């Protein structure tokens, strides 16, 4: 995971922390996980960038529900979210948290308080 300082003042409802950590995503419990990267995160959601544009094209549609999970020992999140914006050309999407398990919610609160 790499943390990156933000050069510009934040104008969003929840300030975002720039970072880079691996995440697995899928559109339903029946589909396999696809590898991607969380690029920044806030209390409300995160920005996602996919490694493989061909596999991710169908998932990156506004309003689409996704399931996500990180596997790094020092950064653990698991939950469900909604794609609120997508750029197929850039292989990026904005994910709004719909549901985090209790452990993930506590981890995220603690993590964001460090900044």
PDB file of N, CA and C in Angstrom:
ATOM      1  N   UNK A   1       0.853  -1.166   0.000  1.00  0.00           N
ATOM      2  CA  UNK A   1       0.000   0.000   0.000  1.00  0.00           C
ATOM      3  C   UNK A   1       0.896   1.224   0.000  1.00  0.00           C
ATOM      4  N   UNK A   2       0.624   2.178  -0.865  1.00  0.00           N
ATOM      5  CA  UNK A   2       1.355   3.432  -0.934  1.00  0.00           C
ATOM      6  C   UNK A   2       0.407   4.578  -0.642  1.00  0.00           C
ATOM      7  N   UNK A   3       0.783   5.450   0.294  1.00  0.00           N
ATOM      8  CA  UNK A   3      -0.004   6.641   0.578  1.00  0.00           C
ATOM      9  C   UNK A   3       0.571   7.804  -0.199  1.00  0.00           C
ATOM     10  N   UNK A   4      -0.294   8.635  -0.759  1.00  0.00           N
ATOM     11  CA  UNK A   4       0.132   9.758  -1.579  1.00  0.00           C
ATOM     12  C   UNK A   4      -0.525  11.011  -1.030  1.00  0.00           C
ATOM     13  N   UNK A   5       0.251  12.063  -0.824  1.00  0.00           N
ATOM     14  CA  UNK A   5      -0.300  13.305  -0.297  1.00  0.00           C
ATOM     15  C   UNK A   5      -1.131  14.012  -1.363  1.00  0.00           C
ATOM     16  N   UNK A   6      -2.236  14.579  -0.965  1.00  0.00           N
ATOM     17  CA  UNK A   6      -3.111  15.305  -1.865  1.00  0.00           C
ATOM     18  C   UNK A   6      -2.663  16.766  -1.936  1.00  0.00           C
ATOM     19  N   UNK A   7      -2.406  17.274  -3.152  1.00  0.00           N
ATOM     20  CA  UNK A   7      -1.925  18.639  -3.335  1.00  0.00           C
ATOM     21  C   UNK A   7      -3.052  19.663  -3.359  1.00  0.00           C
ATOM     22  N   UNK A   8      -4.279  19.250  -3.596  1.00  0.00           N
ATOM     23  CA  UNK A   8      -5.385  20.172  -3.798  1.00  0.00           C
ATOM     24  C   UNK A   8      -6.375  20.098  -2.642  1.00  0.00           C
ATOM     25  N   UNK A   9      -7.012  21.203  -2.306  1.00  0.00           N
ATOM     26  CA  UNK A   9      -8.013  21.177  -1.230  1.00  0.00           C
ATOM     27  C   UNK A   9      -9.193  20.273  -1.604  1.00  0.00           C
ATOM     28  N   UNK A  10      -9.709  19.579  -0.638  1.00  0.00           N
ATOM     29  CA  UNK A  10     -10.805  18.632  -0.843  1.00  0.00           C
ATOM     30  C   UNK A  10     -12.145  19.359  -0.863  1.00  0.00           C
ATOM     31  N   UNK A  11     -12.999  19.042  -1.865  1.00  0.00           N
ATOM     32  CA  UNK A  11     -14.307  19.681  -1.975  1.00  0.00           C
ATOM     33  C   UNK A  11     -15.441  18.679  -1.833  1.00  0.00           C
ATOM     34  N   UNK A  12     -15.153  17.430  -1.588  1.00  0.00           N
ATOM     35  CA  UNK A  12     -16.180  16.404  -1.455  1.00  0.00           C
ATOM     36  C   UNK A  12     -16.778  16.415  -0.056  1.00  0.00           C
ATOM     37  N   UNK A  13     -17.916  15.721   0.083  1.00  0.00           N
ATOM     38  CA  UNK A  13     -18.565  15.614   1.390  1.00  0.00           C
ATOM     39  C   UNK A  13     -17.635  14.956   2.403  1.00  0.00           C
ATOM     40  N   UNK A  14     -16.966  13.887   1.990  1.00  0.00           N
ATOM     41  CA  UNK A  14     -16.008  13.198   2.850  1.00  0.00           C
ATOM     42  C   UNK A  14     -14.618  13.328   2.217  1.00  0.00           C
ATOM     43  N   UNK A  15     -13.645  13.828   2.963  1.00  0.00           N
ATOM     44  CA  UNK A  15     -12.288  13.927   2.416  1.00  0.00           C
ATOM     45  C   UNK A  15     -11.758  12.548   2.020  1.00  0.00           C
ATOM     46  N   UNK A  16     -11.017  12.514   0.944  1.00  0.00           N
ATOM     47  CA  UNK A  16     -10.453  11.259   0.442  1.00  0.00           C
ATOM     48  C   UNK A  16      -8.971  11.174   0.793  1.00  0.00           C
ATOM     49  N   UNK A  17      -8.562   9.968   1.124  1.00  0.00           N
ATOM     50  CA  UNK A  17      -7.168   9.678   1.395  1.00  0.00           C
ATOM     51  C   UNK A  17      -6.631   8.908   0.191  1.00  0.00           C
ATOM     52  N   UNK A  18      -5.601   9.451  -0.454  1.00  0.00           N
ATOM     53  CA  UNK A  18      -5.003   8.767  -1.592  1.00  0.00           C
ATOM     54  C   UNK A  18      -4.167   7.602  -1.100  1.00  0.00           C
ATOM     55  N   UNK A  19      -4.335   6.466  -1.741  1.00  0.00           N
ATOM     56  CA  UNK A  19      -3.558   5.279  -1.424  1.00  0.00           C
ATOM     57  C   UNK A  19      -3.605   4.342  -2.611  1.00  0.00           C
ATOM     58  N   UNK A  20      -2.891   3.275  -2.529  1.00  0.00           N
ATOM     59  CA  UNK A  20      -2.935   2.272  -3.583  1.00  0.00           C
ATOM     60  C   UNK A  20      -2.869   0.904  -2.915  1.00  0.00           C
ATOM     61  N   UNK A  21      -3.985   0.186  -2.956  1.00  0.00           N
ATOM     62  CA  UNK A  21      -4.033  -1.142  -2.359  1.00  0.00           C
ATOM     63  C   UNK A  21      -4.894  -2.057  -3.226  1.00  0.00           C
ATOM     64  N   UNK A  22      -4.508  -3.293  -3.298  1.00  0.00           N
ATOM     65  CA  UNK A  22      -5.184  -4.286  -4.131  1.00  0.00           C
ATOM     66  C   UNK A  22      -6.547  -4.635  -3.542  1.00  0.00           C
ATOM     67  N   UNK A  23      -7.539  -4.808  -4.432  1.00  0.00           N
ATOM     68  CA  UNK A  23      -8.881  -5.201  -4.030  1.00  0.00           C
ATOM     69  C   UNK A  23      -9.427  -6.174  -5.062  1.00  0.00           C
ATOM     70  N   UNK A  24     -10.231  -7.108  -4.608  1.00  0.00           N
ATOM     71  CA  UNK A  24     -10.916  -8.031  -5.514  1.00  0.00           C
ATOM     72  C   UNK A  24     -12.379  -7.625  -5.563  1.00  0.00           C
ATOM     73  N   UNK A  25     -12.935  -7.592  -6.778  1.00  0.00           N
ATOM     74  CA  UNK A  25     -14.325  -7.185  -6.941  1.00  0.00           C
ATOM     75  C   UNK A  25     -15.065  -8.207  -7.791  1.00  0.00           C
ATOM     76  N   UNK A  26     -16.376  -8.237  -7.624  1.00  0.00           N
ATOM     77  CA  UNK A  26     -17.235  -9.055  -8.481  1.00  0.00           C
ATOM     78  C   UNK A  26     -18.633  -8.471  -8.470  1.00  0.00           C
ATOM     79  N   UNK A  27     -19.386  -8.777  -9.524  1.00  0.00           N
ATOM     80  CA  UNK A  27     -20.721  -8.207  -9.670  1.00  0.00           C
ATOM     81  C   UNK A  27     -21.787  -9.027  -8.953  1.00  0.00           C
ATOM     82  N   UNK A  28     -21.510 -10.295  -8.669  1.00  0.00           N
ATOM     83  CA  UNK A  28     -22.466 -11.119  -7.933  1.00  0.00           C
ATOM     84  C   UNK A  28     -21.717 -12.251  -7.245  1.00  0.00           C
ATOM     85  N   UNK A  29     -22.377 -12.896  -6.314  1.00  0.00           N
ATOM     86  CA  UNK A  29     -21.757 -13.997  -5.582  1.00  0.00           C
ATOM     87  C   UNK A  29     -21.460 -15.192  -6.473  1.00  0.00           C
ATOM     88  N   UNK A  30     -22.073 -15.245  -7.644  1.00  0.00           N
ATOM     89  CA  UNK A  30     -21.880 -16.370  -8.562  1.00  0.00           C
ATOM     90  C   UNK A  30     -20.685 -16.182  -9.489  1.00  0.00           C
ATOM     91  N   UNK A  31     -20.161 -14.961  -9.566  1.00  0.00           N
ATOM     92  CA  UNK A  31     -19.054 -14.661 -10.475  1.00  0.00           C
ATOM     93  C   UNK A  31     -17.723 -14.708  -9.741  1.00  0.00           C
ATOM     94  N   UNK A  32     -16.634 -14.977 -10.476  1.00  0.00           N
ATOM     95  CA  UNK A  32     -15.307 -14.964  -9.843  1.00  0.00           C
ATOM     96  C   UNK A  32     -14.864 -13.526  -9.549  1.00  0.00           C
ATOM     97  N   UNK A  33     -13.967 -13.395  -8.585  1.00  0.00           N
ATOM     98  CA  UNK A  33     -13.399 -12.090  -8.271  1.00  0.00           C
ATOM     99  C   UNK A  33     -12.465 -11.642  -9.390  1.00  0.00           C
ATOM    100  N   UNK A  34     -12.417 -10.337  -9.621  1.00  0.00           N
ATOM    101  CA  UNK A  34     -11.515  -9.701 -10.575  1.00  0.00           C
ATOM    102  C   UNK A  34     -10.612  -8.765  -9.777  1.00  0.00           C
ATOM    103  N   UNK A  35      -9.352  -8.736 -10.122  1.00  0.00           N
ATOM    104  CA  UNK A  35      -8.379  -7.917  -9.421  1.00  0.00           C
ATOM    105  C   UNK A  35      -8.443  -6.457  -9.873  1.00  0.00           C
ATOM    106  N   UNK A  36      -8.316  -5.533  -8.912  1.00  0.00           N
ATOM    107  CA  UNK A  36      -8.322  -4.098  -9.198  1.00  0.00           C
ATOM    108  C   UNK A  36      -7.538  -3.394  -8.080  1.00  0.00           C
ATOM    109  N   UNK A  37      -7.528  -2.058  -8.122  1.00  0.00           N
ATOM    110  CA  UNK A  37      -6.815  -1.257  -7.133  1.00  0.00           C
ATOM    111  C   UNK A  37      -7.728  -0.177  -6.566  1.00  0.00           C
ATOM    112  N   UNK A  38      -7.712  -0.021  -5.243  1.00  0.00           N
ATOM    113  CA  UNK A  38      -8.325   1.138  -4.616  1.00  0.00           C
ATOM    114  C   UNK A  38      -7.295   2.252  -4.726  1.00  0.00           C
ATOM    115  N   UNK A  39      -7.692   3.399  -5.285  1.00  0.00           N
ATOM    116  CA  UNK A  39      -6.753   4.511  -5.469  1.00  0.00           C
ATOM    117  C   UNK A  39      -6.939   5.613  -4.440  1.00  0.00           C
ATOM    118  N   UNK A  40      -8.147   5.763  -3.931  1.00  0.00           N
ATOM    119  CA  UNK A  40      -8.374   6.664  -2.805  1.00  0.00           C
ATOM    120  C   UNK A  40      -9.630   6.191  -2.085  1.00  0.00           C
ATOM    121  N   UNK A  41      -9.756   6.621  -0.833  1.00  0.00           N
ATOM    122  CA  UNK A  41     -10.859   6.115  -0.014  1.00  0.00           C
ATOM    123  C   UNK A  41     -11.342   7.196   0.940  1.00  0.00           C
ATOM    124  N   UNK A  42     -12.613   7.123   1.298  1.00  0.00           N
ATOM    125  CA  UNK A  42     -13.202   8.036   2.275  1.00  0.00           C
ATOM    126  C   UNK A  42     -14.228   7.251   3.087  1.00  0.00           C
ATOM    127  N   UNK A  43     -14.892   7.935   3.976  1.00  0.00           N
ATOM    128  CA  UNK A  43     -15.952   7.318   4.770  1.00  0.00           C
ATOM    129  C   UNK A  43     -17.095   6.825   3.887  1.00  0.00           C
ATOM    130  N   UNK A  44     -17.281   7.474   2.733  1.00  0.00           N
ATOM    131  CA  UNK A  44     -18.412   7.143   1.869  1.00  0.00           C
ATOM    132  C   UNK A  44     -18.138   6.152   0.754  1.00  0.00           C
ATOM    133  N   UNK A  45     -16.858   5.936   0.411  1.00  0.00           N
ATOM    134  CA  UNK A  45     -16.567   5.023  -0.685  1.00  0.00           C
ATOM    135  C   UNK A  45     -15.131   5.121  -1.153  1.00  0.00           C
ATOM    136  N   UNK A  46     -14.874   4.620  -2.368  1.00  0.00           N
ATOM    137  CA  UNK A  46     -13.511   4.649  -2.887  1.00  0.00           C
ATOM    138  C   UNK A  46     -13.488   4.730  -4.407  1.00  0.00           C
ATOM    139  N   UNK A  47     -12.327   5.136  -4.924  1.00  0.00           N
ATOM    140  CA  UNK A  47     -12.084   5.152  -6.362  1.00  0.00           C
ATOM    141  C   UNK A  47     -11.349   3.871  -6.717  1.00  0.00           C
ATOM    142  N   UNK A  48     -11.812   3.225  -7.756  1.00  0.00           N
ATOM    143  CA  UNK A  48     -11.324   1.915  -8.163  1.00  0.00           C
ATOM    144  C   UNK A  48     -10.706   2.008  -9.548  1.00  0.00           C
ATOM    145  N   UNK A  49      -9.582   1.346  -9.750  1.00  0.00           N
ATOM    146  CA  UNK A  49      -8.971   1.248 -11.074  1.00  0.00           C
ATOM    147  C   UNK A  49      -8.705  -0.225 -11.350  1.00  0.00           C
ATOM    148  N   UNK A  50      -9.163  -0.686 -12.509  1.00  0.00           N
ATOM    149  CA  UNK A  50      -9.034  -2.096 -12.876  1.00  0.00           C
ATOM    150  C   UNK A  50      -7.752  -2.344 -13.658  1.00  0.00           C
ATOM    151  N   UNK A  51      -7.209  -3.547 -13.500  1.00  0.00           N
ATOM    152  CA  UNK A  51      -6.030  -3.959 -14.253  1.00  0.00           C
ATOM    153  C   UNK A  51      -6.381  -4.364 -15.671  1.00  0.00           C
ATOM    154  N   UNK A  52      -7.502  -5.058 -15.831  1.00  0.00           N
ATOM    155  CA  UNK A  52      -7.859  -5.650 -17.117  1.00  0.00           C
ATOM    156  C   UNK A  52      -9.150  -5.035 -17.656  1.00  0.00           C
ATOM    157  N   UNK A  53      -9.048  -4.171 -18.668  1.00  0.00           N
ATOM    158  CA  UNK A  53     -10.254  -3.489 -19.165  1.00  0.00           C
ATOM    159  C   UNK A  53     -11.289  -4.425 -19.792  1.00  0.00           C
ATOM    160  N   UNK A  54     -10.883  -5.531 -20.355  1.00  0.00           N
ATOM    161  CA  UNK A  54     -11.836  -6.428 -21.002  1.00  0.00           C
ATOM    162  C   UNK A  54     -12.725  -7.131 -19.978  1.00  0.00           C
ATOM    163  N   UNK A  55     -12.170  -7.536 -18.871  1.00  0.00           N
ATOM    164  CA  UNK A  55     -12.950  -8.227 -17.845  1.00  0.00           C
ATOM    165  C   UNK A  55     -13.832  -7.275 -17.051  1.00  0.00           C
ATOM    166  N   UNK A  56     -13.449  -6.029 -16.958  1.00  0.00           N
ATOM    167  CA  UNK A  56     -14.131  -5.090 -16.074  1.00  0.00           C
ATOM    168  C   UNK A  56     -15.228  -4.290 -16.768  1.00  0.00           C
ATOM    169  N   UNK A  57     -15.245  -4.298 -18.081  1.00  0.00           N
ATOM    170  CA  UNK A  57     -16.143  -3.444 -18.862  1.00  0.00           C
ATOM    171  C   UNK A  57     -17.608  -3.558 -18.413  1.00  0.00           C
ATOM    172  N   UNK A  58     -18.098  -4.755 -18.191  1.00  0.00           N
ATOM    173  CA  UNK A  58     -19.493  -4.953 -17.809  1.00  0.00           C
ATOM    174  C   UNK A  58     -19.784  -4.494 -16.378  1.00  0.00           C
ATOM    175  N   UNK A  59     -18.790  -4.604 -15.500  1.00  0.00           N
ATOM    176  CA  UNK A  59     -18.989  -4.228 -14.099  1.00  0.00           C
ATOM    177  C   UNK A  59     -19.066  -2.709 -13.950  1.00  0.00           C
ATOM    178  N   UNK A  60     -18.323  -1.974 -14.761  1.00  0.00           N
ATOM    179  CA  UNK A  60     -18.251  -0.524 -14.627  1.00  0.00           C
ATOM    180  C   UNK A  60     -19.425   0.163 -15.313  1.00  0.00           C
ATOM    181  N   UNK A  61     -20.598   0.007 -14.750  1.00  0.00           N
ATOM    182  CA  UNK A  61     -21.801   0.710 -15.205  1.00  0.00           C
ATOM    183  C   UNK A  61     -22.433   1.359 -13.991  1.00  0.00           C
ATOM    184  N   UNK A  62     -22.818   2.608 -14.119  1.00  0.00           N
ATOM    185  CA  UNK A  62     -23.454   3.310 -12.995  1.00  0.00           C
ATOM    186  C   UNK A  62     -24.671   2.540 -12.513  1.00  0.00           C
ATOM    187  N   UNK A  63     -24.818   2.488 -11.198  1.00  0.00           N
ATOM    188  CA  UNK A  63     -25.946   1.801 -10.592  1.00  0.00           C
ATOM    189  C   UNK A  63     -25.709   0.325 -10.356  1.00  0.00           C
ATOM    190  N   UNK A  64     -24.630  -0.202 -10.869  1.00  0.00           N
ATOM    191  CA  UNK A  64     -24.336  -1.630 -10.732  1.00  0.00           C
ATOM    192  C   UNK A  64     -23.823  -1.916  -9.316  1.00  0.00           C
ATOM    193  N   UNK A  65     -24.322  -2.960  -8.715  1.00  0.00           N
ATOM    194  CA  UNK A  65     -23.878  -3.394  -7.391  1.00  0.00           C
ATOM    195  C   UNK A  65     -22.608  -4.228  -7.549  1.00  0.00           C
ATOM    196  N   UNK A  66     -21.650  -4.012  -6.656  1.00  0.00           N
ATOM    197  CA  UNK A  66     -20.455  -4.847  -6.657  1.00  0.00           C
ATOM    198  C   UNK A  66     -20.141  -5.299  -5.231  1.00  0.00           C
ATOM    199  N   UNK A  67     -19.444  -6.398  -5.152  1.00  0.00           N
ATOM    200  CA  UNK A  67     -18.923  -6.918  -3.892  1.00  0.00           C
ATOM    201  C   UNK A  67     -17.415  -6.751  -3.944  1.00  0.00           C
ATOM    202  N   UNK A  68     -16.806  -6.386  -2.830  1.00  0.00           N
ATOM    203  CA  UNK A  68     -15.363  -6.150  -2.817  1.00  0.00           C
ATOM    204  C   UNK A  68     -14.741  -6.725  -1.554  1.00  0.00           C
ATOM    205  N   UNK A  69     -13.452  -7.024  -1.671  1.00  0.00           N
ATOM    206  CA  UNK A  69     -12.711  -7.570  -0.535  1.00  0.00           C
ATOM    207  C   UNK A  69     -11.228  -7.335  -0.758  1.00  0.00           C
ATOM    208  N   UNK A  70     -10.540  -6.837   0.272  1.00  0.00           N
ATOM    209  CA  UNK A  70      -9.087  -6.711   0.219  1.00  0.00           C
ATOM    210  C   UNK A  70      -8.491  -7.870   1.010  1.00  0.00           C
ATOM    211  N   UNK A  71      -7.243  -8.175   0.713  1.00  0.00           N
ATOM    212  CA  UNK A  71      -6.617  -9.335   1.346  1.00  0.00           C
ATOM    213  C   UNK A  71      -5.324  -9.002   2.063  1.00  0.00           C
ATOM    214  N   UNK A  72      -4.912  -7.760   2.040  1.00  0.00           N
ATOM    215  CA  UNK A  72      -3.668  -7.393   2.696  1.00  0.00           C
ATOM    216  C   UNK A  72      -3.872  -7.397   4.209  1.00  0.00           C
ATOM    217  N   UNK A  73      -2.887  -7.912   4.935  1.00  0.00           N
ATOM    218  CA  UNK A  73      -2.993  -8.020   6.391  1.00  0.00           C
ATOM    219  C   UNK A  73      -3.228  -6.675   7.065  1.00  0.00           C
ATOM    220  N   UNK A  74      -2.624  -5.626   6.532  1.00  0.00           N
ATOM    221  CA  UNK A  74      -2.700  -4.317   7.173  1.00  0.00           C
ATOM    222  C   UNK A  74      -3.823  -3.439   6.631  1.00  0.00           C
ATOM    223  N   UNK A  75      -4.578  -3.912   5.656  1.00  0.00           N
ATOM    224  CA  UNK A  75      -5.682  -3.130   5.106  1.00  0.00           C
ATOM    225  C   UNK A  75      -6.797  -4.087   4.714  1.00  0.00           C
ATOM    226  N   UNK A  76      -7.780  -4.262   5.590  1.00  0.00           N
ATOM    227  CA  UNK A  76      -8.844  -5.244   5.356  1.00  0.00           C
ATOM    228  C   UNK A  76     -10.208  -4.577   5.276  1.00  0.00           C
ATOM    229  N   UNK A  77     -10.826  -4.727   4.103  1.00  0.00           N
ATOM    230  CA  UNK A  77     -12.191  -4.255   3.888  1.00  0.00           C
ATOM    231  C   UNK A  77     -12.974  -5.338   3.174  1.00  0.00           C
ATOM    232  N   UNK A  78     -14.222  -5.476   3.542  1.00  0.00           N
ATOM    233  CA  UNK A  78     -15.105  -6.419   2.872  1.00  0.00           C
ATOM    234  C   UNK A  78     -16.504  -5.838   2.903  1.00  0.00           C
ATOM    235  N   UNK A  79     -17.158  -5.841   1.749  1.00  0.00           N
ATOM    236  CA  UNK A  79     -18.504  -5.303   1.741  1.00  0.00           C
ATOM    237  C   UNK A  79     -19.135  -5.268   0.365  1.00  0.00           C
ATOM    238  N   UNK A  80     -20.165  -4.430   0.285  1.00  0.00           N
ATOM    239  CA  UNK A  80     -20.937  -4.271  -0.941  1.00  0.00           C
ATOM    240  C   UNK A  80     -21.055  -2.782  -1.221  1.00  0.00           C
ATOM    241  N   UNK A  81     -21.026  -2.432  -2.511  1.00  0.00           N
ATOM    242  CA  UNK A  81     -21.141  -1.029  -2.882  1.00  0.00           C
ATOM    243  C   UNK A  81     -21.863  -0.871  -4.206  1.00  0.00           C
ATOM    244  N   UNK A  82     -21.983   0.375  -4.610  1.00  0.00           N
ATOM    245  CA  UNK A  82     -22.666   0.706  -5.858  1.00  0.00           C
ATOM    246  C   UNK A  82     -21.737   1.566  -6.707  1.00  0.00           C
ATOM    247  N   UNK A  83     -21.676   1.275  -7.992  1.00  0.00           N
ATOM    248  CA  UNK A  83     -20.915   2.098  -8.920  1.00  0.00           C
ATOM    249  C   UNK A  83     -21.694   3.395  -9.129  1.00  0.00           C
ATOM    250  N   UNK A  84     -21.099   4.533  -8.731  1.00  0.00           N
ATOM    251  CA  UNK A  84     -21.813   5.803  -8.879  1.00  0.00           C
ATOM    252  C   UNK A  84     -21.305   6.613 -10.070  1.00  0.00           C
ATOM    253  N   UNK A  85     -20.120   6.336 -10.533  1.00  0.00           N
ATOM    254  CA  UNK A  85     -19.623   6.887 -11.795  1.00  0.00           C
ATOM    255  C   UNK A  85     -18.624   5.888 -12.369  1.00  0.00           C
ATOM    256  N   UNK A  86     -18.446   5.934 -13.670  1.00  0.00           N
ATOM    257  CA  UNK A  86     -17.535   4.992 -14.312  1.00  0.00           C
ATOM    258  C   UNK A  86     -16.902   5.626 -15.541  1.00  0.00           C
ATOM    259  N   UNK A  87     -15.650   5.273 -15.773  1.00  0.00           N
ATOM    260  CA  UNK A  87     -14.933   5.674 -16.969  1.00  0.00           C
ATOM    261  C   UNK A  87     -14.339   4.406 -17.574  1.00  0.00           C
ATOM    262  N   UNK A  88     -15.032   3.850 -18.553  1.00  0.00           N
ATOM    263  CA  UNK A  88     -14.547   2.623 -19.193  1.00  0.00           C
ATOM    264  C   UNK A  88     -13.211   2.882 -19.888  1.00  0.00           C
ATOM    265  N   UNK A  89     -13.046   4.076 -20.426  1.00  0.00           N
ATOM    266  CA  UNK A  89     -11.801   4.399 -21.120  1.00  0.00           C
ATOM    267  C   UNK A  89     -10.603   4.383 -20.176  1.00  0.00           C
ATOM    268  N   UNK A  90     -10.811   4.853 -18.950  1.00  0.00           N
ATOM    269  CA  UNK A  90      -9.744   4.891 -17.950  1.00  0.00           C
ATOM    270  C   UNK A  90      -9.734   3.656 -17.043  1.00  0.00           C
ATOM    271  N   UNK A  91     -10.710   2.762 -17.214  1.00  0.00           N
ATOM    272  CA  UNK A  91     -10.858   1.580 -16.352  1.00  0.00           C
ATOM    273  C   UNK A  91     -11.005   1.977 -14.885  1.00  0.00           C
ATOM    274  N   UNK A  92     -11.748   3.052 -14.625  1.00  0.00           N
ATOM    275  CA  UNK A  92     -11.935   3.559 -13.276  1.00  0.00           C
ATOM    276  C   UNK A  92     -13.416   3.661 -12.941  1.00  0.00           C
ATOM    277  N   UNK A  93     -13.705   3.616 -11.644  1.00  0.00           N
ATOM    278  CA  UNK A  93     -15.083   3.783 -11.183  1.00  0.00           C
ATOM    279  C   UNK A  93     -15.069   4.337  -9.767  1.00  0.00           C
ATOM    280  N   UNK A  94     -16.140   5.036  -9.428  1.00  0.00           N
ATOM    281  CA  UNK A  94     -16.352   5.501  -8.069  1.00  0.00           C
ATOM    282  C   UNK A  94     -17.347   4.579  -7.397  1.00  0.00           C
ATOM    283  N   UNK A  95     -16.973   4.050  -6.247  1.00  0.00           N
ATOM    284  CA  UNK A  95     -17.801   3.092  -5.526  1.00  0.00           C
ATOM    285  C   UNK A  95     -18.301   3.727  -4.228  1.00  0.00           C
ATOM    286  N   UNK A  96     -19.608   3.719  -4.032  1.00  0.00           N
ATOM    287  CA  UNK A  96     -20.219   4.209  -2.788  1.00  0.00           C
ATOM    288  C   UNK A  96     -20.490   2.997  -1.903  1.00  0.00           C
ATOM    289  N   UNK A  97     -20.082   3.077  -0.642  1.00  0.00           N
ATOM    290  CA  UNK A  97     -20.344   1.980   0.280  1.00  0.00           C
ATOM    291  C   UNK A  97     -21.836   1.821   0.519  1.00  0.00           C
ATOM    292  N   UNK A  98     -22.340   0.609   0.353  1.00  0.00           N
ATOM    293  CA  UNK A  98     -23.704   0.277   0.741  1.00  0.00           C
ATOM    294  C   UNK A  98     -23.694  -0.522   2.037  1.00  0.00           C
ATOM    295  N   UNK A  99     -22.706  -1.389   2.165  1.00  0.00           N
ATOM    296  CA  UNK A  99     -22.634  -2.257   3.337  1.00  0.00           C
ATOM    297  C   UNK A  99     -21.189  -2.678   3.585  1.00  0.00           C
ATOM    298  N   UNK A 100     -20.741  -2.502   4.822  1.00  0.00           N
ATOM    299  CA  UNK A 100     -19.437  -3.003   5.262  1.00  0.00           C
ATOM    300  C   UNK A 100     -19.683  -3.925   6.442  1.00  0.00           C
ATOM    301  N   UNK A 101     -18.918  -5.020   6.515  1.00  0.00           N
ATOM    302  CA  UNK A 101     -19.073  -5.849   7.703  1.00  0.00           C
ATOM    303  C   UNK A 101     -18.535  -5.065   8.901  1.00  0.00           C
ATOM    304  N   UNK A 102     -18.884  -5.478  10.095  1.00  0.00           N
ATOM    305  CA  UNK A 102     -18.562  -4.707  11.298  1.00  0.00           C
ATOM    306  C   UNK A 102     -17.061  -4.492  11.450  1.00  0.00           C
ATOM    307  N   UNK A 103     -16.263  -5.519  11.196  1.00  0.00           N
ATOM    308  CA  UNK A 103     -14.806  -5.400  11.314  1.00  0.00           C
ATOM    309  C   UNK A 103     -14.264  -4.370  10.318  1.00  0.00           C
ATOM    310  N   UNK A 104     -14.788  -4.376   9.101  1.00  0.00           N
ATOM    311  CA  UNK A 104     -14.353  -3.428   8.076  1.00  0.00           C
ATOM    312  C   UNK A 104     -14.731  -2.002   8.441  1.00  0.00           C
ATOM    313  N   UNK A 105     -15.926  -1.813   8.956  1.00  0.00           N
ATOM    314  CA  UNK A 105     -16.381  -0.478   9.361  1.00  0.00           C
ATOM    315  C   UNK A 105     -15.458   0.093  10.438  1.00  0.00           C
ATOM    316  N   UNK A 106     -15.115  -0.722  11.430  1.00  0.00           N
ATOM    317  CA  UNK A 106     -14.222  -0.293  12.508  1.00  0.00           C
ATOM    318  C   UNK A 106     -12.831   0.007  11.965  1.00  0.00           C
ATOM    319  N   UNK A 107     -12.324  -0.868  11.083  1.00  0.00           N
ATOM    320  CA  UNK A 107     -11.012  -0.642  10.494  1.00  0.00           C
ATOM    321  C   UNK A 107     -10.983   0.679   9.731  1.00  0.00           C
ATOM    322  N   UNK A 108     -12.012   0.927   8.907  1.00  0.00           N
ATOM    323  CA  UNK A 108     -12.053   2.131   8.094  1.00  0.00           C
ATOM    324  C   UNK A 108     -12.095   3.383   8.967  1.00  0.00           C
ATOM    325  N   UNK A 109     -12.929   3.375  10.008  1.00  0.00           N
ATOM    326  CA  UNK A 109     -12.982   4.523  10.935  1.00  0.00           C
ATOM    327  C   UNK A 109     -11.617   4.799  11.552  1.00  0.00           C
ATOM    328  N   UNK A 110     -10.957   3.752  12.042  1.00  0.00           N
ATOM    329  CA  UNK A 110      -9.637   3.900  12.652  1.00  0.00           C
ATOM    330  C   UNK A 110      -8.602   4.395  11.642  1.00  0.00           C
ATOM    331  N   UNK A 111      -8.642   3.831  10.443  1.00  0.00           N
ATOM    332  CA  UNK A 111      -7.692   4.211   9.395  1.00  0.00           C
ATOM    333  C   UNK A 111      -7.859   5.680   9.021  1.00  0.00           C
ATOM    334  N   UNK A 112      -9.084   6.136   8.811  1.00  0.00           N
ATOM    335  CA  UNK A 112      -9.326   7.510   8.385  1.00  0.00           C
ATOM    336  C   UNK A 112      -8.978   8.525   9.487  1.00  0.00           C
ATOM    337  N   UNK A 113      -9.071   8.112  10.746  1.00  0.00           N
ATOM    338  CA  UNK A 113      -8.721   9.019  11.852  1.00  0.00           C
ATOM    339  C   UNK A 113      -7.233   9.325  11.896  1.00  0.00           C
ATOM    340  N   UNK A 114      -6.420   8.500  11.260  1.00  0.00           N
ATOM    341  CA  UNK A 114      -4.972   8.736  11.248  1.00  0.00           C
ATOM    342  C   UNK A 114      -4.613   9.940  10.381  1.00  0.00           C
ATOM    343  N   UNK A 115      -5.554  10.406   9.557  1.00  0.00           N
ATOM    344  CA  UNK A 115      -5.252  11.486   8.603  1.00  0.00           C
ATOM    345  C   UNK A 115      -5.989  12.722   8.957  1.00  0.00           C
TER     346      UNK A 115
END
